[in-house]
Amino acid sequence: MARRKSAGAQPAERKGSSTHGNAFPWSSEIEDEILHRLMRGESIATICGPGRDDFLPGEVTFYKHLTEDEGFAKKYTRAREVQAHREFDEIRQIAEDATPEDVAVARLQIDARKWRAGKLAPKVYGDKVTHANDAENPLPAAQVTVFALPDNGRD
């Protein structure tokens, strides 16, 4: 699908979007374009925000479609997981390319990617949280010793 940028300022939603009473003309090609760009690391704000390609929906229309189309929502979730894998893969290259002069910048880039990967794919890259006494981590049996106080005639 050819990409075209509109000249001049971009309204929040263009003619043909749901904000003007007409449904946006969704197609599998449009969904694929959005999902592929997500997987390559672009954000929804970039893909569907001001300055977007003419054939793509605005952010409001995108998020409305995401909440209303379960099949698309599943594909979107998978695309975000792929995005997490991609960002995690970038970490190694950033570390290898770092020089003593830019190590602080590289560390920031790595930390940001690790955080995002953990949020986008928490089961793979998220912090492991162990809850006590769940099926996989039962609490050990506690042993309680009760001592009897000697009876010395006091109440």
C-alpha atoms as a PDB file:
ATOM      1  CA  MET A   1       0.000   0.000   0.000  1.00  0.00           C
ATOM      2  CA  ALA A   2       1.503   3.327  -1.026  1.00  0.00           C
ATOM      3  CA  ARG A   3       2.142   5.820   1.725  1.00  0.00           C
ATOM      4  CA  ARG A   4       1.212   9.457   1.344  1.00  0.00           C
ATOM      5  CA  LYS A   5       1.654  12.257   3.795  1.00  0.00           C
ATOM      6  CA  SER A   6      -0.868  15.057   3.867  1.00  0.00           C
ATOM      7  CA  ALA A   7       0.422  18.562   3.470  1.00  0.00           C
ATOM      8  CA  GLY A   8      -0.183  21.000   6.277  1.00  0.00           C
ATOM      9  CA  ALA A   9      -1.662  20.514   9.719  1.00  0.00           C
ATOM     10  CA  GLN A  10      -3.414  17.279  10.562  1.00  0.00           C
ATOM     11  CA  PRO A  11      -6.800  17.261  12.293  1.00  0.00           C
ATOM     12  CA  ALA A  12      -7.252  14.727  15.078  1.00  0.00           C
ATOM     13  CA  GLU A  13      -9.447  12.621  12.782  1.00  0.00           C
ATOM     14  CA  ARG A  14      -9.970  13.035   9.046  1.00  0.00           C
ATOM     15  CA  LYS A  15     -13.109  12.850   6.936  1.00  0.00           C
ATOM     16  CA  GLY A  16     -14.253   9.260   6.761  1.00  0.00           C
ATOM     17  CA  SER A  17     -13.375   8.540  10.358  1.00  0.00           C
ATOM     18  CA  SER A  18     -15.926   7.704  13.001  1.00  0.00           C
ATOM     19  CA  THR A  19     -15.802  11.206  14.467  1.00  0.00           C
ATOM     20  CA  HIS A  20     -17.544  12.513  11.343  1.00  0.00           C
ATOM     21  CA  GLY A  21     -20.365   9.968  11.429  1.00  0.00           C
ATOM     22  CA  ASN A  22     -18.876   7.665   8.773  1.00  0.00           C
ATOM     23  CA  ALA A  23     -17.146   4.429   9.644  1.00  0.00           C
ATOM     24  CA  PHE A  24     -13.442   4.276   8.807  1.00  0.00           C
ATOM     25  CA  PRO A  25     -12.898   1.884   5.890  1.00  0.00           C
ATOM     26  CA  TRP A  26     -11.029  -0.840   7.804  1.00  0.00           C
ATOM     27  CA  SER A  27      -9.410  -3.564   5.747  1.00  0.00           C
ATOM     28  CA  SER A  28      -7.009  -6.404   6.409  1.00  0.00           C
ATOM     29  CA  GLU A  29      -4.331  -4.381   4.559  1.00  0.00           C
ATOM     30  CA  ILE A  30      -4.732  -1.448   6.961  1.00  0.00           C
ATOM     31  CA  GLU A  31      -4.639  -3.729  10.003  1.00  0.00           C
ATOM     32  CA  ASP A  32      -1.551  -5.501   8.627  1.00  0.00           C
ATOM     33  CA  GLU A  33       0.197  -2.172   7.993  1.00  0.00           C
ATOM     34  CA  ILE A  34      -0.445  -1.005  11.553  1.00  0.00           C
ATOM     35  CA  LEU A  35       0.591  -4.321  13.106  1.00  0.00           C
ATOM     36  CA  HIS A  36       3.766  -4.626  11.013  1.00  0.00           C
ATOM     37  CA  ARG A  37       4.829  -1.126  11.946  1.00  0.00           C
ATOM     38  CA  LEU A  38       4.174  -1.897  15.615  1.00  0.00           C
ATOM     39  CA  MET A  39       6.322  -5.015  15.367  1.00  0.00           C
ATOM     40  CA  ARG A  40       9.115  -2.905  13.850  1.00  0.00           C
ATOM     41  CA  GLY A  41       9.036  -0.690  16.931  1.00  0.00           C
ATOM     42  CA  GLU A  42       6.827   2.251  15.948  1.00  0.00           C
ATOM     43  CA  SER A  43       4.268   3.553  18.421  1.00  0.00           C
ATOM     44  CA  ILE A  44       0.544   4.014  17.826  1.00  0.00           C
ATOM     45  CA  ALA A  45       1.116   7.736  18.384  1.00  0.00           C
ATOM     46  CA  THR A  46       3.490   7.734  15.402  1.00  0.00           C
ATOM     47  CA  ILE A  47       1.471   5.390  13.193  1.00  0.00           C
ATOM     48  CA  CYS A  48      -1.946   6.955  13.800  1.00  0.00           C
ATOM     49  CA  GLY A  49      -1.086  10.393  15.170  1.00  0.00           C
ATOM     50  CA  PRO A  50      -0.626  13.764  13.476  1.00  0.00           C
ATOM     51  CA  GLY A  51       1.484  13.430  10.349  1.00  0.00           C
ATOM     52  CA  ARG A  52       0.324   9.858   9.748  1.00  0.00           C
ATOM     53  CA  ASP A  53      -0.052   8.369   6.296  1.00  0.00           C
ATOM     54  CA  ASP A  54      -3.305   9.408   4.622  1.00  0.00           C
ATOM     55  CA  PHE A  55      -4.754   5.916   4.431  1.00  0.00           C
ATOM     56  CA  LEU A  56      -4.380   5.199   8.170  1.00  0.00           C
ATOM     57  CA  PRO A  57      -6.917   5.979  10.891  1.00  0.00           C
ATOM     58  CA  GLY A  58      -6.392   8.497  13.654  1.00  0.00           C
ATOM     59  CA  GLU A  59      -5.627   7.371  17.192  1.00  0.00           C
ATOM     60  CA  VAL A  60      -9.215   7.653  18.456  1.00  0.00           C
ATOM     61  CA  THR A  61     -10.512   5.559  15.560  1.00  0.00           C
ATOM     62  CA  PHE A  62      -7.713   3.033  16.051  1.00  0.00           C
ATOM     63  CA  TYR A  63      -8.400   2.567  19.775  1.00  0.00           C
ATOM     64  CA  LYS A  64     -12.148   2.368  19.172  1.00  0.00           C
ATOM     65  CA  HIS A  65     -11.575  -0.410  16.617  1.00  0.00           C
ATOM     66  CA  LEU A  66      -9.199  -2.141  19.027  1.00  0.00           C
ATOM     67  CA  THR A  67     -11.861  -2.276  21.741  1.00  0.00           C
ATOM     68  CA  GLU A  68     -14.633  -3.380  19.378  1.00  0.00           C
ATOM     69  CA  ASP A  69     -12.888  -6.060  17.285  1.00  0.00           C
ATOM     70  CA  GLU A  70     -11.761  -9.039  19.348  1.00  0.00           C
ATOM     71  CA  GLY A  71      -9.850 -10.648  16.470  1.00  0.00           C
ATOM     72  CA  PHE A  72      -7.896  -7.461  15.849  1.00  0.00           C
ATOM     73  CA  ALA A  73      -7.262  -7.084  19.590  1.00  0.00           C
ATOM     74  CA  LYS A  74      -5.663 -10.554  19.673  1.00  0.00           C
ATOM     75  CA  LYS A  75      -3.446  -9.694  16.700  1.00  0.00           C
ATOM     76  CA  TYR A  76      -2.516  -6.402  18.367  1.00  0.00           C
ATOM     77  CA  THR A  77      -1.540  -8.219  21.563  1.00  0.00           C
ATOM     78  CA  ARG A  78       0.659 -10.590  19.575  1.00  0.00           C
ATOM     79  CA  ALA A  79       2.239  -7.672  17.673  1.00  0.00           C
ATOM     80  CA  ARG A  80       3.102  -6.015  20.994  1.00  0.00           C
ATOM     81  CA  GLU A  81       4.745  -9.257  22.182  1.00  0.00           C
ATOM     82  CA  VAL A  82       6.813  -9.355  18.989  1.00  0.00           C
ATOM     83  CA  GLN A  83       7.722  -5.713  19.596  1.00  0.00           C
ATOM     84  CA  ALA A  84       8.998  -6.714  23.044  1.00  0.00           C
ATOM     85  CA  HIS A  85      11.193  -9.450  21.566  1.00  0.00           C
ATOM     86  CA  ARG A  86      12.579  -6.981  19.034  1.00  0.00           C
ATOM     87  CA  GLU A  87      13.386  -4.420  21.714  1.00  0.00           C
ATOM     88  CA  PHE A  88      15.014  -7.078  23.865  1.00  0.00           C
ATOM     89  CA  ASP A  89      17.147  -8.151  20.882  1.00  0.00           C
ATOM     90  CA  GLU A  90      18.299  -4.537  20.423  1.00  0.00           C
ATOM     91  CA  ILE A  91      19.816  -4.544  23.913  1.00  0.00           C
ATOM     92  CA  ARG A  92      22.770  -6.686  22.883  1.00  0.00           C
ATOM     93  CA  GLN A  93      23.613  -4.452  19.928  1.00  0.00           C
ATOM     94  CA  ILE A  94      23.426  -1.315  22.066  1.00  0.00           C
ATOM     95  CA  ALA A  95      25.772  -2.883  24.634  1.00  0.00           C
ATOM     96  CA  GLU A  96      28.235  -4.034  21.972  1.00  0.00           C
ATOM     97  CA  ASP A  97      28.273  -0.623  20.272  1.00  0.00           C
ATOM     98  CA  ALA A  98      28.734   1.354  23.499  1.00  0.00           C
ATOM     99  CA  THR A  99      31.945   3.292  23.948  1.00  0.00           C
ATOM    100  CA  PRO A 100      33.381   4.701  27.155  1.00  0.00           C
ATOM    101  CA  GLU A 101      32.152   8.136  26.041  1.00  0.00           C
ATOM    102  CA  ASP A 102      28.503   7.090  25.617  1.00  0.00           C
ATOM    103  CA  VAL A 103      28.148   4.302  28.155  1.00  0.00           C
ATOM    104  CA  ALA A 104      25.657   6.330  30.232  1.00  0.00           C
ATOM    105  CA  VAL A 105      23.425   6.857  27.196  1.00  0.00           C
ATOM    106  CA  ALA A 106      23.708   3.174  26.290  1.00  0.00           C
ATOM    107  CA  ARG A 107      22.777   2.179  29.835  1.00  0.00           C
ATOM    108  CA  LEU A 108      19.696   4.424  29.674  1.00  0.00           C
ATOM    109  CA  GLN A 109      18.683   2.936  26.311  1.00  0.00           C
ATOM    110  CA  ILE A 110      19.129  -0.591  27.650  1.00  0.00           C
ATOM    111  CA  ASP A 111      17.162   0.129  30.828  1.00  0.00           C
ATOM    112  CA  ALA A 112      14.328   1.673  28.813  1.00  0.00           C
ATOM    113  CA  ARG A 113      14.170  -1.341  26.499  1.00  0.00           C
ATOM    114  CA  LYS A 114      14.281  -3.795  29.396  1.00  0.00           C
ATOM    115  CA  TRP A 115      11.430  -1.942  31.115  1.00  0.00           C
ATOM    116  CA  ARG A 116       9.334  -1.819  27.926  1.00  0.00           C
ATOM    117  CA  ALA A 117       9.980  -5.474  27.131  1.00  0.00           C
ATOM    118  CA  GLY A 118       8.871  -6.357  30.669  1.00  0.00           C
ATOM    119  CA  LYS A 119       5.644  -4.392  30.212  1.00  0.00           C
ATOM    120  CA  LEU A 120       4.913  -5.631  26.681  1.00  0.00           C
ATOM    121  CA  ALA A 121       5.672  -9.306  27.402  1.00  0.00           C
ATOM    122  CA  PRO A 122       5.622  -9.685  31.201  1.00  0.00           C
ATOM    123  CA  LYS A 123       5.571 -13.499  31.170  1.00  0.00           C
ATOM    124  CA  VAL A 124       8.836 -13.542  29.239  1.00  0.00           C
ATOM    125  CA  TYR A 125      10.701 -10.380  30.305  1.00  0.00           C
ATOM    126  CA  GLY A 126       8.855  -9.191  33.408  1.00  0.00           C
ATOM    127  CA  ASP A 127      10.054  -9.412  36.968  1.00  0.00           C
ATOM    128  CA  LYS A 128       9.293 -12.783  38.465  1.00  0.00           C
ATOM    129  CA  VAL A 129       6.931 -12.401  41.396  1.00  0.00           C
ATOM    130  CA  THR A 130       6.532 -15.300  43.794  1.00  0.00           C
ATOM    131  CA  HIS A 131       3.403 -15.395  45.871  1.00  0.00           C
ATOM    132  CA  ALA A 132       3.607 -17.385  49.065  1.00  0.00           C
ATOM    133  CA  ASN A 133       1.418 -20.462  49.317  1.00  0.00           C
ATOM    134  CA  ASP A 134       0.356 -20.686  45.692  1.00  0.00           C
ATOM    135  CA  ALA A 135       0.294 -24.112  44.051  1.00  0.00           C
ATOM    136  CA  GLU A 136       3.901 -23.812  42.834  1.00  0.00           C
ATOM    137  CA  ASN A 137       5.278 -22.230  46.035  1.00  0.00           C
ATOM    138  CA  PRO A 138       3.526 -23.750  49.035  1.00  0.00           C
ATOM    139  CA  LEU A 139       4.400 -22.476  52.477  1.00  0.00           C
ATOM    140  CA  PRO A 140       6.505 -24.891  54.498  1.00  0.00           C
ATOM    141  CA  ALA A 141       4.693 -26.545  57.368  1.00  0.00           C
ATOM    142  CA  ALA A 142       5.227 -24.540  60.518  1.00  0.00           C
ATOM    143  CA  GLN A 143       6.254 -26.250  63.707  1.00  0.00           C
ATOM    144  CA  VAL A 144       4.913 -24.659  66.847  1.00  0.00           C
ATOM    145  CA  THR A 145       6.239 -25.554  70.253  1.00  0.00           C
ATOM    146  CA  VAL A 146       4.004 -24.686  73.188  1.00  0.00           C
ATOM    147  CA  PHE A 147       5.622 -24.330  76.549  1.00  0.00           C
ATOM    148  CA  ALA A 148       3.537 -24.786  79.645  1.00  0.00           C
ATOM    149  CA  LEU A 149       4.226 -22.298  82.383  1.00  0.00           C
ATOM    150  CA  PRO A 150       4.765 -23.808  85.786  1.00  0.00           C
ATOM    151  CA  ASP A 151       1.832 -23.483  88.112  1.00  0.00           C
ATOM    152  CA  ASN A 152       3.158 -21.463  91.006  1.00  0.00           C
ATOM    153  CA  GLY A 153      -0.180 -20.761  92.574  1.00  0.00           C
ATOM    154  CA  ARG A 154      -0.906 -17.451  90.925  1.00  0.00           C
ATOM    155  CA  ASP A 155      -3.949 -16.655  88.872  1.00  0.00           C
END
